């Protein structure tokens, strides 16, 4: 599953995001979703979220859905 549909995501999920400054390199940051920043039900580049560590980025991959 990818992170383009909000219905596939939930608070507490372990995901990989790409932060704005890493978009060109594609470097991913892993973490747990703290809150959603995208209001729409889907986004072509991934739903924007804030991780528990405070990093903000678009979800590229759901790594674990045991929430």
N, C-alpha and C. Protein backbone atom coordinates (compact mmCIF):
# COMPACT_ATOMS: atom_id res chain seq x y z
N UNK A 1 0.84 -1.19 0.00
CA UNK A 1 0.00 0.00 0.00
C UNK A 1 0.88 1.25 0.00
N UNK A 2 0.42 2.25 -0.71
CA UNK A 2 1.13 3.52 -0.70
C UNK A 2 0.35 4.52 0.16
N UNK A 3 0.85 5.72 0.28
CA UNK A 3 0.24 6.70 1.15
C UNK A 3 -0.57 7.75 0.43
N UNK A 4 -1.15 7.40 -0.71
CA UNK A 4 -1.88 8.38 -1.50
C UNK A 4 -3.34 8.52 -1.09
N UNK A 5 -3.89 7.53 -0.39
CA UNK A 5 -5.27 7.57 0.05
C UNK A 5 -5.34 7.68 1.56
N UNK A 6 -6.04 8.70 2.04
CA UNK A 6 -6.11 8.95 3.48
C UNK A 6 -6.81 7.82 4.23
N UNK A 7 -7.76 7.16 3.55
CA UNK A 7 -8.51 6.09 4.21
C UNK A 7 -7.63 4.88 4.56
N UNK A 8 -6.47 4.76 3.90
CA UNK A 8 -5.54 3.66 4.17
C UNK A 8 -4.63 3.94 5.37
N UNK A 9 -4.66 5.17 5.87
CA UNK A 9 -3.77 5.59 6.95
C UNK A 9 -4.53 5.82 8.24
N UNK A 10 -3.81 5.74 9.36
CA UNK A 10 -4.41 6.01 10.67
C UNK A 10 -3.32 6.53 11.61
N UNK A 11 -3.74 7.30 12.59
CA UNK A 11 -2.81 7.77 13.62
C UNK A 11 -2.17 6.56 14.28
N UNK A 12 -0.86 6.60 14.47
CA UNK A 12 -0.15 5.50 15.11
C UNK A 12 0.47 4.51 14.15
N UNK A 13 0.21 4.66 12.86
CA UNK A 13 0.82 3.76 11.87
C UNK A 13 2.29 4.10 11.67
N UNK A 14 3.09 3.08 11.40
CA UNK A 14 4.52 3.23 11.11
C UNK A 14 4.68 3.36 9.61
N UNK A 15 5.20 4.51 9.15
CA UNK A 15 5.28 4.81 7.73
C UNK A 15 6.64 5.37 7.34
N UNK A 16 6.88 5.46 6.04
CA UNK A 16 8.06 6.14 5.50
C UNK A 16 7.57 7.38 4.78
N UNK A 17 8.16 8.54 5.12
CA UNK A 17 7.79 9.80 4.48
C UNK A 17 9.00 10.39 3.76
N UNK A 18 8.72 11.32 2.84
CA UNK A 18 9.77 12.13 2.22
C UNK A 18 9.50 13.56 2.65
N UNK A 19 10.49 14.16 3.32
CA UNK A 19 10.39 15.55 3.73
C UNK A 19 10.65 16.45 2.53
N UNK A 20 10.15 17.68 2.59
CA UNK A 20 10.26 18.63 1.48
C UNK A 20 11.71 18.77 0.99
N UNK A 21 12.65 18.93 1.90
CA UNK A 21 14.04 19.15 1.48
C UNK A 21 14.71 17.88 0.93
N UNK A 22 14.05 16.74 1.04
CA UNK A 22 14.59 15.48 0.51
C UNK A 22 13.86 14.98 -0.73
N UNK A 23 12.98 15.81 -1.30
CA UNK A 23 12.19 15.35 -2.44
C UNK A 23 13.04 14.99 -3.64
N UNK A 24 14.07 15.74 -3.92
CA UNK A 24 14.94 15.44 -5.08
C UNK A 24 15.71 14.14 -4.89
N UNK A 25 16.25 13.94 -3.70
CA UNK A 25 17.04 12.73 -3.44
C UNK A 25 16.16 11.52 -3.17
N UNK A 26 14.95 11.76 -2.68
CA UNK A 26 14.05 10.67 -2.36
C UNK A 26 14.35 10.01 -1.02
N UNK A 27 15.24 10.62 -0.24
CA UNK A 27 15.60 10.06 1.07
C UNK A 27 14.37 10.01 1.97
N UNK A 28 14.15 8.86 2.56
CA UNK A 28 12.96 8.65 3.38
C UNK A 28 13.27 8.71 4.86
N UNK A 29 12.27 9.13 5.62
CA UNK A 29 12.34 9.17 7.07
C UNK A 29 11.23 8.26 7.58
N UNK A 30 11.55 7.39 8.52
CA UNK A 30 10.55 6.48 9.07
C UNK A 30 10.07 6.98 10.42
N UNK A 31 8.79 6.73 10.70
CA UNK A 31 8.25 7.14 11.98
C UNK A 31 6.79 6.80 12.10
N UNK A 32 6.20 7.24 13.21
CA UNK A 32 4.81 6.96 13.55
C UNK A 32 3.98 8.22 13.33
N UNK A 33 2.83 8.07 12.66
CA UNK A 33 1.97 9.21 12.36
C UNK A 33 1.38 9.79 13.65
N UNK A 34 1.58 11.10 13.82
CA UNK A 34 1.00 11.82 14.95
C UNK A 34 -0.29 12.52 14.54
N UNK A 35 -0.25 13.20 13.37
CA UNK A 35 -1.47 13.85 12.87
C UNK A 35 -1.41 14.05 11.37
N UNK A 36 -2.58 14.24 10.77
CA UNK A 36 -2.71 14.46 9.33
C UNK A 36 -2.67 15.95 9.04
N UNK A 37 -1.98 16.34 7.98
CA UNK A 37 -1.94 17.72 7.54
C UNK A 37 -2.67 17.93 6.22
N UNK A 38 -2.93 16.86 5.47
CA UNK A 38 -3.70 16.94 4.24
C UNK A 38 -5.16 16.67 4.58
N UNK A 39 -6.04 17.57 4.16
CA UNK A 39 -7.47 17.43 4.45
C UNK A 39 -8.21 16.57 3.41
N UNK A 40 -7.72 16.57 2.17
CA UNK A 40 -8.42 15.86 1.11
C UNK A 40 -8.28 14.34 1.26
N UNK A 41 -9.20 13.58 0.68
CA UNK A 41 -9.17 12.11 0.80
C UNK A 41 -8.02 11.44 0.07
N UNK A 42 -7.43 12.11 -0.94
CA UNK A 42 -6.25 11.57 -1.61
C UNK A 42 -5.39 12.70 -2.14
N UNK A 43 -4.13 12.35 -2.41
CA UNK A 43 -3.19 13.32 -2.97
C UNK A 43 -2.22 12.54 -3.85
N UNK A 44 -1.94 13.03 -5.07
CA UNK A 44 -1.09 12.27 -5.99
C UNK A 44 0.34 12.06 -5.51
N UNK A 45 0.84 12.93 -4.63
CA UNK A 45 2.21 12.80 -4.14
C UNK A 45 2.28 12.20 -2.75
N UNK A 46 1.15 11.84 -2.18
CA UNK A 46 1.11 11.26 -0.84
C UNK A 46 0.46 12.20 0.15
N UNK A 47 -0.19 11.64 1.15
CA UNK A 47 -0.83 12.41 2.20
C UNK A 47 0.25 13.02 3.09
N UNK A 48 0.12 14.31 3.38
CA UNK A 48 1.11 14.98 4.24
C UNK A 48 0.75 14.73 5.70
N UNK A 49 1.74 14.30 6.47
CA UNK A 49 1.53 13.98 7.88
C UNK A 49 2.66 14.57 8.73
N UNK A 50 2.40 14.63 10.03
CA UNK A 50 3.44 14.96 11.00
C UNK A 50 3.70 13.70 11.79
N UNK A 51 4.98 13.37 11.93
CA UNK A 51 5.36 12.21 12.73
C UNK A 51 5.46 12.59 14.21
N UNK A 52 5.51 11.60 15.08
CA UNK A 52 5.64 11.86 16.51
C UNK A 52 6.91 12.61 16.85
N UNK A 53 7.93 12.51 15.98
CA UNK A 53 9.19 13.21 16.21
C UNK A 53 9.16 14.65 15.72
N UNK A 54 8.05 15.06 15.07
CA UNK A 54 7.88 16.42 14.60
C UNK A 54 8.20 16.63 13.13
N UNK A 55 8.76 15.63 12.47
CA UNK A 55 9.06 15.76 11.05
C UNK A 55 7.77 15.77 10.24
N UNK A 56 7.77 16.56 9.16
CA UNK A 56 6.61 16.68 8.30
C UNK A 56 6.99 16.24 6.89
N UNK A 57 6.13 15.43 6.27
CA UNK A 57 6.40 15.01 4.91
C UNK A 57 5.23 14.23 4.34
N UNK A 58 5.39 13.79 3.12
CA UNK A 58 4.34 13.03 2.44
C UNK A 58 4.62 11.53 2.55
N UNK A 59 3.58 10.77 2.86
CA UNK A 59 3.71 9.33 3.05
C UNK A 59 4.01 8.67 1.71
N UNK A 60 5.09 7.91 1.66
CA UNK A 60 5.49 7.19 0.46
C UNK A 60 5.16 5.70 0.57
N UNK A 61 5.17 5.18 1.80
CA UNK A 61 4.96 3.74 1.99
C UNK A 61 4.49 3.48 3.41
N UNK A 62 3.56 2.54 3.54
CA UNK A 62 3.11 2.09 4.85
C UNK A 62 3.99 0.89 5.20
N UNK A 63 4.75 1.03 6.28
CA UNK A 63 5.70 -0.03 6.65
C UNK A 63 5.08 -1.06 7.57
N UNK A 64 4.17 -0.62 8.42
CA UNK A 64 3.57 -1.54 9.37
C UNK A 64 2.21 -0.96 9.76
N UNK A 65 1.17 -1.79 9.74
CA UNK A 65 -0.15 -1.26 10.07
C UNK A 65 -0.72 -1.83 11.36
N UNK A 66 0.16 -2.19 12.28
CA UNK A 66 -0.28 -2.67 13.60
C UNK A 66 -0.42 -1.46 14.52
N UNK A 67 -1.59 -0.86 14.49
CA UNK A 67 -1.80 0.34 15.32
C UNK A 67 -2.84 0.11 16.37
